[in-house]
Amino acid sequence: IWDPSNAFNVMTTAVLFGLVTAHTLMNIALMRLPRTPEEYPFVRIVFHFFLPIVATVLFWCVLYESIFPMTSPLEWSPVLWLLVLVPGGIYAFSKNRGLNRARGRELGIAPPSD
């Protein structure tokens, strides 16, 4: 369908979508980590809230600058990203459904409420 350079641009942009999504979800998870007793409040605010928010905003700015203005083959990048994200999300939610509360607490995730 595309020549090699266009195919490379589409695939690398789709991977960039995935990286930005993964880093955003990891930063959200970092913000939800429980505070340890020896952790100082200032350190927690900086490392668990301020820096993840700054990093997430920067990632989304890079993604925005990479895809806009949308040129002809790059419009396929979000489609390819969704083709991987949707089945991955369905798999993750199906694995989360079987967790009991104790195991979910060990893993640092909240199991679905009963």
C-alpha atoms as a PDB file:
ATOM      1  CA  ILE A   1       0.000   0.000   0.000  1.00  0.00           C
ATOM      2  CA  TRP A   2       2.732   2.464   1.015  1.00  0.00           C
ATOM      3  CA  ASP A   3       6.328   2.865   0.039  1.00  0.00           C
ATOM      4  CA  PRO A   4       8.895   1.899   2.712  1.00  0.00           C
ATOM      5  CA  SER A   5       9.377   5.399   4.125  1.00  0.00           C
ATOM      6  CA  ASN A   6       5.625   5.982   4.551  1.00  0.00           C
ATOM      7  CA  ALA A   7       5.166   2.545   6.123  1.00  0.00           C
ATOM      8  CA  PHE A   8       8.019   3.289   8.529  1.00  0.00           C
ATOM      9  CA  ASN A   9       6.464   6.655   9.485  1.00  0.00           C
ATOM     10  CA  VAL A  10       3.048   5.072  10.075  1.00  0.00           C
ATOM     11  CA  MET A  11       4.442   2.270  12.227  1.00  0.00           C
ATOM     12  CA  THR A  12       6.731   4.524  14.287  1.00  0.00           C
ATOM     13  CA  THR A  13       3.847   6.921  14.935  1.00  0.00           C
ATOM     14  CA  ALA A  14       1.635   4.004  15.996  1.00  0.00           C
ATOM     15  CA  VAL A  15       4.399   2.889  18.374  1.00  0.00           C
ATOM     16  CA  LEU A  16       4.619   6.468  19.697  1.00  0.00           C
ATOM     17  CA  PHE A  17       0.884   6.312  20.465  1.00  0.00           C
ATOM     18  CA  GLY A  18       1.518   3.113  22.407  1.00  0.00           C
ATOM     19  CA  LEU A  19       4.483   4.535  24.309  1.00  0.00           C
ATOM     20  CA  VAL A  20       2.586   7.663  25.301  1.00  0.00           C
ATOM     21  CA  THR A  21      -0.374   5.544  26.421  1.00  0.00           C
ATOM     22  CA  ALA A  22       1.843   3.188  28.432  1.00  0.00           C
ATOM     23  CA  HIS A  23       3.713   6.027  30.119  1.00  0.00           C
ATOM     24  CA  THR A  24       0.467   7.833  30.918  1.00  0.00           C
ATOM     25  CA  LEU A  25      -0.987   4.711  32.542  1.00  0.00           C
ATOM     26  CA  MET A  26       2.237   4.087  34.467  1.00  0.00           C
ATOM     27  CA  ASN A  27       2.274   7.678  35.721  1.00  0.00           C
ATOM     28  CA  ILE A  28      -1.318   7.322  36.891  1.00  0.00           C
ATOM     29  CA  ALA A  29      -0.352   4.097  38.678  1.00  0.00           C
ATOM     30  CA  LEU A  30       2.617   5.860  40.279  1.00  0.00           C
ATOM     31  CA  MET A  31       0.310   8.531  41.666  1.00  0.00           C
ATOM     32  CA  ARG A  32      -1.848   5.852  43.264  1.00  0.00           C
ATOM     33  CA  LEU A  33       0.994   4.085  45.101  1.00  0.00           C
ATOM     34  CA  PRO A  34       0.535   4.095  48.865  1.00  0.00           C
ATOM     35  CA  ARG A  35       2.878   6.234  50.920  1.00  0.00           C
ATOM     36  CA  THR A  36       5.585   4.427  52.863  1.00  0.00           C
ATOM     37  CA  PRO A  37       6.160   5.495  56.491  1.00  0.00           C
ATOM     38  CA  GLU A  38       9.717   6.696  55.877  1.00  0.00           C
ATOM     39  CA  GLU A  39       8.796   8.797  52.855  1.00  0.00           C
ATOM     40  CA  TYR A  40       8.776  12.568  53.339  1.00  0.00           C
ATOM     41  CA  PRO A  41       5.625  14.427  52.174  1.00  0.00           C
ATOM     42  CA  PHE A  42       7.644  16.822  49.983  1.00  0.00           C
ATOM     43  CA  VAL A  43       9.398  13.919  48.234  1.00  0.00           C
ATOM     44  CA  ARG A  44       6.063  12.216  47.649  1.00  0.00           C
ATOM     45  CA  ILE A  45       4.515  15.350  46.172  1.00  0.00           C
ATOM     46  CA  VAL A  46       7.462  15.933  43.846  1.00  0.00           C
ATOM     47  CA  PHE A  47       8.138  12.351  42.729  1.00  0.00           C
ATOM     48  CA  HIS A  48       4.614  10.944  42.797  1.00  0.00           C
ATOM     49  CA  PHE A  49       2.572  13.901  41.555  1.00  0.00           C
ATOM     50  CA  PHE A  50       4.518  16.827  40.099  1.00  0.00           C
ATOM     51  CA  LEU A  51       7.060  14.948  37.939  1.00  0.00           C
ATOM     52  CA  PRO A  52       4.553  12.390  36.558  1.00  0.00           C
ATOM     53  CA  ILE A  53       2.173  15.194  35.576  1.00  0.00           C
ATOM     54  CA  VAL A  54       4.965  17.142  33.855  1.00  0.00           C
ATOM     55  CA  ALA A  55       6.178  13.995  32.061  1.00  0.00           C
ATOM     56  CA  THR A  56       2.669  13.103  30.895  1.00  0.00           C
ATOM     57  CA  VAL A  57       2.040  16.596  29.524  1.00  0.00           C
ATOM     58  CA  LEU A  58       5.386  16.523  27.698  1.00  0.00           C
ATOM     59  CA  PHE A  59       4.646  13.093  26.190  1.00  0.00           C
ATOM     60  CA  TRP A  60       1.282  14.265  24.887  1.00  0.00           C
ATOM     61  CA  CYS A  61       2.879  17.432  23.442  1.00  0.00           C
ATOM     62  CA  VAL A  62       5.416  15.308  21.571  1.00  0.00           C
ATOM     63  CA  LEU A  63       2.627  13.090  20.243  1.00  0.00           C
ATOM     64  CA  TYR A  64       0.590  16.116  19.161  1.00  0.00           C
ATOM     65  CA  GLU A  65       3.566  17.630  17.342  1.00  0.00           C
ATOM     66  CA  SER A  66       4.256  14.289  15.643  1.00  0.00           C
ATOM     67  CA  ILE A  67       0.825  13.788  14.138  1.00  0.00           C
ATOM     68  CA  PHE A  68      -0.580  17.258  13.430  1.00  0.00           C
ATOM     69  CA  PRO A  69      -1.094  18.358  10.753  1.00  0.00           C
ATOM     70  CA  MET A  70      -2.294  14.876   9.797  1.00  0.00           C
ATOM     71  CA  THR A  71      -0.870  13.841   6.451  1.00  0.00           C
ATOM     72  CA  SER A  72      -2.136  11.071   4.216  1.00  0.00           C
ATOM     73  CA  PRO A  73      -0.607   7.842   5.527  1.00  0.00           C
ATOM     74  CA  LEU A  74      -0.303   8.951   9.181  1.00  0.00           C
ATOM     75  CA  GLU A  75      -4.054   8.760   9.707  1.00  0.00           C
ATOM     76  CA  TRP A  76      -3.619   4.975   9.855  1.00  0.00           C
ATOM     77  CA  SER A  77      -1.409   5.213  12.950  1.00  0.00           C
ATOM     78  CA  PRO A  78      -4.274   5.651  15.469  1.00  0.00           C
ATOM     79  CA  VAL A  79      -6.120   2.773  13.797  1.00  0.00           C
ATOM     80  CA  LEU A  80      -3.120   0.449  14.181  1.00  0.00           C
ATOM     81  CA  TRP A  81      -2.686   1.621  17.787  1.00  0.00           C
ATOM     82  CA  LEU A  82      -6.325   0.838  18.572  1.00  0.00           C
ATOM     83  CA  LEU A  83      -6.010  -2.593  16.946  1.00  0.00           C
ATOM     84  CA  VAL A  84      -3.444  -3.437  19.621  1.00  0.00           C
ATOM     85  CA  LEU A  85      -4.898  -1.400  22.521  1.00  0.00           C
ATOM     86  CA  VAL A  86      -8.450  -2.774  22.461  1.00  0.00           C
ATOM     87  CA  PRO A  87      -7.553  -6.498  22.645  1.00  0.00           C
ATOM     88  CA  GLY A  88      -4.859  -5.699  25.226  1.00  0.00           C
ATOM     89  CA  GLY A  89      -7.359  -3.771  27.338  1.00  0.00           C
ATOM     90  CA  ILE A  90      -9.913  -6.578  27.107  1.00  0.00           C
ATOM     91  CA  TYR A  91      -7.261  -9.081  28.197  1.00  0.00           C
ATOM     92  CA  ALA A  92      -6.137  -6.892  31.120  1.00  0.00           C
ATOM     93  CA  PHE A  93      -9.691  -6.376  32.369  1.00  0.00           C
ATOM     94  CA  SER A  94     -10.442 -10.105  32.063  1.00  0.00           C
ATOM     95  CA  LYS A  95      -7.330 -10.947  34.127  1.00  0.00           C
ATOM     96  CA  ASN A  96      -8.277  -8.344  36.747  1.00  0.00           C
ATOM     97  CA  ARG A  97     -11.740  -9.840  37.238  1.00  0.00           C
ATOM     98  CA  GLY A  98     -10.375 -13.044  38.795  1.00  0.00           C
ATOM     99  CA  LEU A  99      -8.324 -11.327  41.493  1.00  0.00           C
ATOM    100  CA  ASN A 100      -9.315 -11.605  45.100  1.00  0.00           C
ATOM    101  CA  ARG A 101      -8.834  -8.604  47.355  1.00  0.00           C
ATOM    102  CA  ALA A 102      -5.697  -9.874  49.112  1.00  0.00           C
ATOM    103  CA  ARG A 103      -3.868 -10.662  45.864  1.00  0.00           C
ATOM    104  CA  GLY A 104      -4.927  -7.328  44.358  1.00  0.00           C
ATOM    105  CA  ARG A 105      -3.564  -5.520  47.396  1.00  0.00           C
ATOM    106  CA  GLU A 106      -0.237  -7.395  47.036  1.00  0.00           C
ATOM    107  CA  LEU A 107       0.003  -6.342  43.395  1.00  0.00           C
ATOM    108  CA  GLY A 108      -0.924  -2.748  44.197  1.00  0.00           C
ATOM    109  CA  ILE A 109      -4.142  -2.735  42.189  1.00  0.00           C
ATOM    110  CA  ALA A 110      -7.681  -2.443  43.367  1.00  0.00           C
ATOM    111  CA  PRO A 111      -9.787  -5.442  42.365  1.00  0.00           C
ATOM    112  CA  PRO A 112     -13.289  -4.708  41.104  1.00  0.00           C
ATOM    113  CA  SER A 113     -15.792  -4.088  43.861  1.00  0.00           C
ATOM    114  CA  ASP A 114     -18.300  -6.851  44.519  1.00  0.00           C
END
